């Protein structure tokens, strides 16, 4: 079945090359995916952030100690 799909996509590719180049690229990607040669990868760069909410505000010296550099 996979070999048949790849063969059919090959014929589509030949026709696409004659008409539109972007279509040929799409067909080649589809062939590579079917053959297992194309791997879609995504990378999640979300930082682990923890937020804490307090019912009491920080004092000015506490805030300065935590957030002011060189303090």
Protein backbone atom coordinates (compact mmCIF):
# COMPACT_ATOMS: atom_id res chain seq x y z
CA UNK A 1 0.00 0.00 0.00
CA UNK A 2 2.74 2.47 0.94
CA UNK A 3 4.69 1.68 -2.21
CA UNK A 4 1.56 2.32 -4.29
CA UNK A 5 0.97 5.67 -2.61
CA UNK A 6 4.56 6.69 -3.22
CA UNK A 7 4.27 5.66 -6.88
CA UNK A 8 1.05 7.68 -7.30
CA UNK A 9 2.64 10.68 -5.62
CA UNK A 10 5.58 10.34 -8.01
CA UNK A 11 3.22 10.72 -10.97
CA UNK A 12 1.58 13.72 -9.31
CA UNK A 13 5.03 15.20 -8.76
CA UNK A 14 5.89 14.86 -12.44
CA UNK A 15 2.70 16.67 -13.40
CA UNK A 16 3.20 19.31 -10.72
CA UNK A 17 6.71 20.11 -11.94
CA UNK A 18 5.25 21.03 -15.30
CA UNK A 19 2.73 23.42 -13.75
CA UNK A 20 3.77 24.83 -10.38
CA UNK A 21 6.98 24.40 -8.52
CA UNK A 22 5.45 24.87 -5.04
CA UNK A 23 3.06 22.00 -5.70
CA UNK A 24 6.03 19.76 -6.50
CA UNK A 25 7.64 20.65 -3.19
CA UNK A 26 4.42 19.76 -1.37
CA UNK A 27 4.33 16.41 -3.11
CA UNK A 28 7.94 15.69 -2.23
CA UNK A 29 7.24 16.47 1.43
CA UNK A 30 4.23 14.16 1.35
CA UNK A 31 6.39 11.39 -0.14
CA UNK A 32 9.06 11.86 2.50
CA UNK A 33 6.45 11.72 5.27
CA UNK A 34 4.97 8.51 3.86
CA UNK A 35 8.40 6.94 3.60
CA UNK A 36 9.22 7.96 7.17
CA UNK A 37 12.08 10.20 6.06
CA UNK A 38 10.43 13.44 7.16
CA UNK A 39 10.07 14.24 10.83
CA UNK A 40 8.10 17.26 12.02
CA UNK A 41 9.68 18.63 15.17
CA UNK A 42 8.55 21.40 17.41
CA UNK A 43 10.33 22.84 20.37
CA UNK A 44 8.55 24.24 23.38
CA UNK A 45 10.60 26.93 25.06
CA UNK A 46 8.14 27.86 27.77
CA UNK A 47 9.95 28.54 31.00
CA UNK A 48 8.60 27.06 34.16
CA UNK A 49 7.27 30.11 35.94
CA UNK A 50 5.62 30.02 39.29
CA UNK A 51 3.56 32.97 40.39
CA UNK A 52 2.71 33.52 44.01
CA UNK A 53 -0.04 35.87 45.07
CA UNK A 54 0.00 37.21 48.58
CA UNK A 55 -2.65 39.04 50.50
CA UNK A 56 0.07 41.33 51.92
CA UNK A 57 2.14 43.79 49.94
CA UNK A 58 5.91 43.83 50.23
CA UNK A 59 7.45 46.72 52.05
CA UNK A 60 9.67 49.10 50.09
CA UNK A 61 12.88 47.61 51.56
CA UNK A 62 11.65 44.05 50.76
CA UNK A 63 10.85 45.04 47.19
CA UNK A 64 14.22 46.77 46.74
CA UNK A 65 16.08 43.76 48.12
CA UNK A 66 14.32 41.41 45.74
CA UNK A 67 14.19 43.45 42.53
CA UNK A 68 16.86 46.16 42.58
CA UNK A 69 20.20 44.96 41.23
CA UNK A 70 23.34 45.98 43.06
CA UNK A 71 21.42 46.47 46.26
